[in-house]
Amino acid sequence: MRLSVREIAIALLLASPISVNGEQNHLNGWSGYSICTEQEVVVFACTFKNKKIVSICKSSRGGEDAIIYRYGRPDKVEFTHKDSNSKDGSFYYKMFYNRRSAYFELGFLNEGFTYSVSRDRDEDAAVPTYRLEVRDAVMSGRKGLQLTCERNIVDNRLSNETRVSCDANADVGCNYEDNKAAGRAL
């Protein structure tokens, strides 16, 4: 497998931690812009227009290896989902990249709803777009909730969270080899 310079640049961009709005990343521990605990690693966090926060955290306390999704405010977390960081857990990922764009999604199914956080980067955009979506898993035609991250974006390699299951039903693949086999990688 031989990659072009552009494909290597996109892969490095996806793998590197970034900070938007001039905020510094915190590779370990707590970030003031997340609702992860001090004992967890902040993988991703952002604030929406409604001033609520979504955070993806990792915990490896006491031998556990878990991913935690939280939504709400620091003083009132409204929803938490925690499961193992493995192929056996409820979290999934899907990704797509080619010469002009890169897309990554991490999500899970809970009580008939699909929750996901995505990173979408187009070659023409100065910074990626991050979104939170909640969709009705049964009635897939319904749009559901979609929030775009507005500020305080912390991305500590969200797109590296591929130890969880690949979404086999995805229109996009799950890694370069899957995309290439399906004719989606250029």
Foldseek 3Di string as FASTA:
>chain_A
DDDDPLVVVVVVVLQAWDWPPPDDADQAADDPQALDHRQWGWQKKFAFPVRKMWTWTFHCPPNATKIKIWIGHNVDTDDIDMWGLAQPTFKAKFWADESFKIKIKIWGDDPQKIWIWMWIDGNPDPGTKIKIAIARNVPRVDRGDITIGDHRITHNNPVVSHRYHYPPPDPGGHDPVRCVVVVRYD
